[in-house]
Amino acid sequence: DKKSLQYIYKKATALYEEGIDTYDKFEIYLAKREAINSNVGKLRKLCGMGDRALTSKETKLFDCWFGDWKFPFETVKLAYEKTVDSTGKLSMTYMNGILRRWHESGFETVEDV
């Protein structure tokens, strides 16, 4: 929604610094972001987060779970359920611990877990 040249330059520079320097790489980047955003939307709904802005910690965790570790939504949902069952509440730190252990064990899907 931002249209200033300064904003566009800043974003283009950031993308370039991430190694996105061709149109093909940009398309791959966009597809990855769309998939992450779709999963984040489902998770926000599951966790009852509403439309509030995500904290920087939440954004980093969600990007890690869905982007870096490439967990499908159903696996993150299972971690959410285990978190709430064990703690009685939503705890991103606890949930991240579950997902980290699964990732380090090579688990990706609910079936793997």
N, C-alpha and C. Protein backbone atom coordinates (compact mmCIF):
# COMPACT_ATOMS: atom_id res chain seq x y z
N ASP A 1 0.81 -1.22 0.00
CA ASP A 1 0.00 0.00 0.00
C ASP A 1 0.85 1.27 0.00
N LYS A 2 2.13 1.12 0.10
CA LYS A 2 3.00 2.29 0.12
C LYS A 2 3.52 2.53 -1.29
N LYS A 3 3.54 3.80 -1.69
CA LYS A 3 3.88 4.12 -3.08
C LYS A 3 5.03 5.08 -3.23
N SER A 4 5.69 5.44 -2.15
CA SER A 4 6.80 6.40 -2.28
C SER A 4 8.02 5.69 -2.87
N LEU A 5 8.80 6.43 -3.62
CA LEU A 5 10.01 5.88 -4.22
C LEU A 5 11.02 5.45 -3.17
N GLN A 6 11.06 6.17 -2.07
CA GLN A 6 11.98 5.83 -1.00
C GLN A 6 11.64 4.45 -0.42
N TYR A 7 10.35 4.18 -0.21
CA TYR A 7 9.92 2.88 0.31
C TYR A 7 10.26 1.77 -0.69
N ILE A 8 9.99 2.01 -1.97
CA ILE A 8 10.26 1.02 -3.01
C ILE A 8 11.76 0.73 -3.07
N TYR A 9 12.58 1.77 -3.02
CA TYR A 9 14.03 1.60 -3.04
C TYR A 9 14.50 0.78 -1.84
N LYS A 10 13.96 1.10 -0.67
CA LYS A 10 14.35 0.41 0.55
C LYS A 10 14.00 -1.08 0.46
N LYS A 11 12.81 -1.39 -0.03
CA LYS A 11 12.39 -2.79 -0.17
C LYS A 11 13.22 -3.51 -1.22
N ALA A 12 13.48 -2.85 -2.36
CA ALA A 12 14.28 -3.46 -3.42
C ALA A 12 15.70 -3.75 -2.92
N THR A 13 16.26 -2.85 -2.16
CA THR A 13 17.60 -3.04 -1.60
C THR A 13 17.61 -4.22 -0.64
N ALA A 14 16.60 -4.31 0.21
CA ALA A 14 16.51 -5.42 1.16
C ALA A 14 16.40 -6.76 0.43
N LEU A 15 15.59 -6.80 -0.62
CA LEU A 15 15.46 -8.03 -1.40
C LEU A 15 16.79 -8.41 -2.05
N TYR A 16 17.46 -7.42 -2.60
CA TYR A 16 18.75 -7.66 -3.25
C TYR A 16 19.76 -8.22 -2.23
N GLU A 17 19.75 -7.68 -1.03
CA GLU A 17 20.67 -8.13 0.01
C GLU A 17 20.36 -9.56 0.45
N GLU A 18 19.11 -10.01 0.24
CA GLU A 18 18.73 -11.40 0.53
C GLU A 18 19.06 -12.33 -0.63
N GLY A 19 19.64 -11.78 -1.69
CA GLY A 19 20.02 -12.60 -2.83
C GLY A 19 18.95 -12.69 -3.91
N ILE A 20 17.93 -11.89 -3.78
CA ILE A 20 16.85 -11.90 -4.77
C ILE A 20 17.19 -10.83 -5.80
N ASP A 21 17.84 -11.30 -6.88
CA ASP A 21 18.34 -10.35 -7.87
C ASP A 21 17.86 -10.66 -9.29
N THR A 22 16.92 -11.59 -9.42
CA THR A 22 16.31 -11.85 -10.72
C THR A 22 14.81 -11.97 -10.55
N TYR A 23 14.10 -11.86 -11.65
CA TYR A 23 12.65 -11.97 -11.59
C TYR A 23 12.22 -13.36 -11.14
N ASP A 24 12.93 -14.40 -11.60
CA ASP A 24 12.60 -15.76 -11.20
C ASP A 24 12.74 -15.95 -9.69
N LYS A 25 13.81 -15.42 -9.12
CA LYS A 25 14.01 -15.50 -7.68
C LYS A 25 12.93 -14.71 -6.94
N PHE A 26 12.51 -13.60 -7.52
CA PHE A 26 11.45 -12.80 -6.91
C PHE A 26 10.13 -13.56 -6.91
N GLU A 27 9.83 -14.26 -7.99
CA GLU A 27 8.60 -15.06 -8.04
C GLU A 27 8.62 -16.16 -6.99
N ILE A 28 9.76 -16.81 -6.82
CA ILE A 28 9.89 -17.84 -5.79
C ILE A 28 9.70 -17.24 -4.40
N TYR A 29 10.31 -16.08 -4.19
CA TYR A 29 10.16 -15.36 -2.91
C TYR A 29 8.70 -15.05 -2.63
N LEU A 30 7.98 -14.53 -3.64
CA LEU A 30 6.57 -14.19 -3.46
C LEU A 30 5.72 -15.42 -3.16
N ALA A 31 5.98 -16.51 -3.85
CA ALA A 31 5.22 -17.74 -3.60
C ALA A 31 5.45 -18.22 -2.16
N LYS A 32 6.71 -18.15 -1.71
CA LYS A 32 7.03 -18.55 -0.34
C LYS A 32 6.31 -17.65 0.67
N ARG A 33 6.34 -16.33 0.43
CA ARG A 33 5.66 -15.39 1.33
C ARG A 33 4.16 -15.64 1.37
N GLU A 34 3.56 -15.91 0.21
CA GLU A 34 2.12 -16.17 0.17
C GLU A 34 1.77 -17.42 0.97
N ALA A 35 2.57 -18.47 0.84
CA ALA A 35 2.33 -19.70 1.60
C ALA A 35 2.47 -19.44 3.10
N ILE A 36 3.52 -18.72 3.48
CA ILE A 36 3.72 -18.39 4.90
C ILE A 36 2.55 -17.57 5.42
N ASN A 37 2.16 -16.54 4.67
CA ASN A 37 1.06 -15.68 5.10
C ASN A 37 -0.25 -16.44 5.24
N SER A 38 -0.49 -17.39 4.35
CA SER A 38 -1.70 -18.21 4.44
C SER A 38 -1.69 -19.02 5.73
N ASN A 39 -0.56 -19.65 6.03
CA ASN A 39 -0.45 -20.43 7.26
C ASN A 39 -0.52 -19.56 8.50
N VAL A 40 0.07 -18.39 8.44
CA VAL A 40 0.00 -17.46 9.57
C VAL A 40 -1.44 -17.05 9.82
N GLY A 41 -2.19 -16.80 8.76
CA GLY A 41 -3.61 -16.45 8.91
C GLY A 41 -4.39 -17.55 9.61
N LYS A 42 -4.14 -18.80 9.23
CA LYS A 42 -4.82 -19.93 9.88
C LYS A 42 -4.42 -20.03 11.35
N LEU A 43 -3.13 -19.82 11.62
CA LEU A 43 -2.64 -19.91 13.00
C LEU A 43 -3.21 -18.79 13.86
N ARG A 44 -3.29 -17.59 13.29
CA ARG A 44 -3.87 -16.46 14.03
C ARG A 44 -5.30 -16.78 14.44
N LYS A 45 -6.05 -17.37 13.53
CA LYS A 45 -7.44 -17.74 13.81
C LYS A 45 -7.49 -18.82 14.89
N LEU A 46 -6.65 -19.84 14.75
CA LEU A 46 -6.60 -20.93 15.73
C LEU A 46 -6.28 -20.40 17.12
N CYS A 47 -5.34 -19.47 17.20
CA CYS A 47 -4.88 -18.95 18.49
C CYS A 47 -5.74 -17.81 19.01
N GLY A 48 -6.75 -17.38 18.23
CA GLY A 48 -7.62 -16.30 18.67
C GLY A 48 -6.92 -14.95 18.72
N MET A 49 -6.00 -14.72 17.79
CA MET A 49 -5.23 -13.48 17.80
C MET A 49 -5.96 -12.31 17.15
N GLY A 50 -7.02 -12.57 16.45
CA GLY A 50 -7.77 -11.49 15.81
C GLY A 50 -6.93 -10.76 14.78
N ASP A 51 -7.22 -9.47 14.63
CA ASP A 51 -6.55 -8.66 13.61
C ASP A 51 -5.42 -7.79 14.16
N ARG A 52 -5.05 -8.02 15.41
CA ARG A 52 -3.99 -7.19 15.98
C ARG A 52 -2.69 -7.42 15.24
N ALA A 53 -1.82 -6.44 15.30
CA ALA A 53 -0.50 -6.57 14.68
C ALA A 53 0.30 -7.62 15.44
N LEU A 54 1.07 -8.40 14.71
CA LEU A 54 1.94 -9.38 15.35
C LEU A 54 3.13 -8.67 15.98
N THR A 55 3.60 -9.22 17.07
CA THR A 55 4.83 -8.69 17.66
C THR A 55 6.01 -9.14 16.79
N SER A 56 7.14 -8.52 16.98
CA SER A 56 8.32 -8.92 16.19
C SER A 56 8.72 -10.35 16.53
N LYS A 57 8.56 -10.76 17.79
CA LYS A 57 8.87 -12.13 18.18
C LYS A 57 7.95 -13.11 17.48
N GLU A 58 6.66 -12.82 17.44
CA GLU A 58 5.71 -13.70 16.76
C GLU A 58 6.04 -13.81 15.27
N THR A 59 6.34 -12.69 14.65
CA THR A 59 6.68 -12.69 13.23
C THR A 59 7.91 -13.57 12.97
N LYS A 60 8.93 -13.44 13.80
CA LYS A 60 10.15 -14.25 13.64
C LYS A 60 9.85 -15.74 13.82
N LEU A 61 9.05 -16.06 14.85
CA LEU A 61 8.71 -17.46 15.09
C LEU A 61 7.92 -18.04 13.92
N PHE A 62 6.91 -17.33 13.45
CA PHE A 62 6.07 -17.83 12.36
C PHE A 62 6.88 -17.98 11.08
N ASP A 63 7.76 -17.03 10.81
CA ASP A 63 8.62 -17.14 9.62
C ASP A 63 9.54 -18.35 9.74
N CYS A 64 10.02 -18.61 10.94
CA CYS A 64 10.89 -19.76 11.17
C CYS A 64 10.11 -21.06 10.97
N TRP A 65 8.95 -21.18 11.63
CA TRP A 65 8.18 -22.42 11.56
C TRP A 65 7.72 -22.76 10.15
N PHE A 66 7.15 -21.75 9.48
CA PHE A 66 6.58 -22.00 8.16
C PHE A 66 7.57 -21.78 7.02
N GLY A 67 8.55 -20.91 7.23
CA GLY A 67 9.50 -20.59 6.17
C GLY A 67 10.78 -21.39 6.26
N ASP A 68 11.52 -21.22 7.35
CA ASP A 68 12.82 -21.88 7.48
C ASP A 68 12.67 -23.39 7.70
N TRP A 69 11.80 -23.78 8.63
CA TRP A 69 11.63 -25.19 8.95
C TRP A 69 10.60 -25.87 8.05
N LYS A 70 9.80 -25.09 7.34
CA LYS A 70 8.85 -25.59 6.35
C LYS A 70 7.82 -26.56 6.93
N PHE A 71 7.37 -26.28 8.14
CA PHE A 71 6.32 -27.12 8.72
C PHE A 71 5.00 -26.81 8.03
N PRO A 72 4.22 -27.85 7.71
CA PRO A 72 2.86 -27.59 7.24
C PRO A 72 2.00 -27.12 8.41
N PHE A 73 0.90 -26.46 8.10
CA PHE A 73 0.04 -25.92 9.14
C PHE A 73 -0.38 -26.99 10.14
N GLU A 74 -0.73 -28.18 9.66
CA GLU A 74 -1.24 -29.23 10.55
C GLU A 74 -0.23 -29.62 11.62
N THR A 75 1.05 -29.56 11.31
CA THR A 75 2.08 -29.89 12.29
C THR A 75 2.17 -28.79 13.36
N VAL A 76 2.09 -27.55 12.93
CA VAL A 76 2.11 -26.43 13.88
C VAL A 76 0.84 -26.47 14.74
N LYS A 77 -0.27 -26.85 14.13
CA LYS A 77 -1.53 -26.99 14.89
C LYS A 77 -1.38 -28.04 15.98
N LEU A 78 -0.73 -29.15 15.66
CA LEU A 78 -0.50 -30.20 16.66
C LEU A 78 0.36 -29.68 17.80
N ALA A 79 1.39 -28.90 17.48
CA ALA A 79 2.23 -28.30 18.53
C ALA A 79 1.41 -27.35 19.39
N TYR A 80 0.51 -26.60 18.78
CA TYR A 80 -0.39 -25.70 19.52
C TYR A 80 -1.23 -26.52 20.51
N GLU A 81 -1.82 -27.61 20.01
CA GLU A 81 -2.67 -28.44 20.86
C GLU A 81 -1.89 -29.03 22.02
N LYS A 82 -0.67 -29.50 21.76
CA LYS A 82 0.16 -30.06 22.82
C LYS A 82 0.55 -28.98 23.83
N THR A 83 0.77 -27.77 23.34
CA THR A 83 1.11 -26.65 24.23
C THR A 83 -0.04 -26.35 25.17
N VAL A 84 -1.22 -26.20 24.62
CA VAL A 84 -2.39 -25.87 25.44
C VAL A 84 -2.74 -27.01 26.38
N ASP A 85 -2.62 -28.26 25.91
CA ASP A 85 -2.89 -29.41 26.78
C ASP A 85 -1.92 -29.46 27.96
N SER A 86 -0.67 -29.10 27.71
CA SER A 86 0.36 -29.19 28.77
C SER A 86 0.37 -27.98 29.70
N THR A 87 0.12 -26.78 29.15
CA THR A 87 0.26 -25.56 29.96
C THR A 87 -1.07 -24.93 30.33
N GLY A 88 -2.13 -25.30 29.62
CA GLY A 88 -3.43 -24.70 29.88
C GLY A 88 -3.62 -23.35 29.20
N LYS A 89 -2.64 -22.95 28.40
CA LYS A 89 -2.72 -21.66 27.71
C LYS A 89 -1.79 -21.67 26.50
N LEU A 90 -1.90 -20.64 25.69
CA LEU A 90 -1.00 -20.48 24.56
C LEU A 90 0.31 -19.90 25.06
N SER A 91 1.40 -20.57 24.73
CA SER A 91 2.74 -20.08 25.05
C SER A 91 3.60 -20.28 23.81
N MET A 92 3.95 -19.17 23.16
CA MET A 92 4.75 -19.26 21.95
C MET A 92 6.13 -19.86 22.24
N THR A 93 6.68 -19.57 23.40
CA THR A 93 7.98 -20.09 23.77
C THR A 93 7.93 -21.61 23.92
N TYR A 94 6.90 -22.10 24.59
CA TYR A 94 6.72 -23.54 24.78
C TYR A 94 6.49 -24.22 23.44
N MET A 95 5.63 -23.61 22.63
CA MET A 95 5.31 -24.15 21.31
C MET A 95 6.56 -24.20 20.44
N ASN A 96 7.38 -23.17 20.51
CA ASN A 96 8.61 -23.13 19.74
C ASN A 96 9.55 -24.26 20.18
N GLY A 97 9.57 -24.55 21.47
CA GLY A 97 10.40 -25.65 21.97
C GLY A 97 9.98 -26.98 21.38
N ILE A 98 8.68 -27.21 21.31
CA ILE A 98 8.15 -28.44 20.71
C ILE A 98 8.57 -28.52 19.24
N LEU A 99 8.32 -27.44 18.52
CA LEU A 99 8.63 -27.44 17.09
C LEU A 99 10.14 -27.55 16.83
N ARG A 100 10.94 -26.94 17.67
CA ARG A 100 12.40 -27.03 17.53
C ARG A 100 12.85 -28.49 17.68
N ARG A 101 12.33 -29.16 18.71
CA ARG A 101 12.69 -30.57 18.93
C ARG A 101 12.28 -31.43 17.73
N TRP A 102 11.08 -31.19 17.22
CA TRP A 102 10.62 -31.95 16.06
C TRP A 102 11.51 -31.68 14.85
N HIS A 103 11.85 -30.42 14.64
CA HIS A 103 12.71 -30.06 13.52
C HIS A 103 14.08 -30.72 13.65
N GLU A 104 14.66 -30.66 14.84
CA GLU A 104 15.97 -31.25 15.07
C GLU A 104 15.95 -32.77 14.94
N SER A 105 14.77 -33.37 15.16
CA SER A 105 14.61 -34.82 15.00
C SER A 105 14.29 -35.22 13.56
N GLY A 106 14.12 -34.21 12.70
CA GLY A 106 13.81 -34.50 11.30
C GLY A 106 12.34 -34.68 11.01
N PHE A 107 11.50 -34.38 11.98
CA PHE A 107 10.06 -34.51 11.78
C PHE A 107 9.53 -33.30 11.04
N GLU A 108 8.62 -33.54 10.08
CA GLU A 108 7.99 -32.44 9.36
C GLU A 108 6.47 -32.52 9.42
N THR A 109 5.93 -33.69 9.22
CA THR A 109 4.48 -33.87 9.14
C THR A 109 3.92 -34.41 10.44
N VAL A 110 2.61 -34.38 10.57
CA VAL A 110 1.95 -34.96 11.73
C VAL A 110 2.26 -36.46 11.79
N GLU A 111 2.31 -37.10 10.64
CA GLU A 111 2.62 -38.53 10.59
C GLU A 111 4.03 -38.81 11.14
N ASP A 112 4.98 -37.92 10.82
CA ASP A 112 6.34 -38.07 11.34
C ASP A 112 6.35 -38.00 12.87
N VAL A 113 5.58 -37.06 13.40
CA VAL A 113 5.54 -36.85 14.85
C VAL A 113 4.91 -38.05 15.51
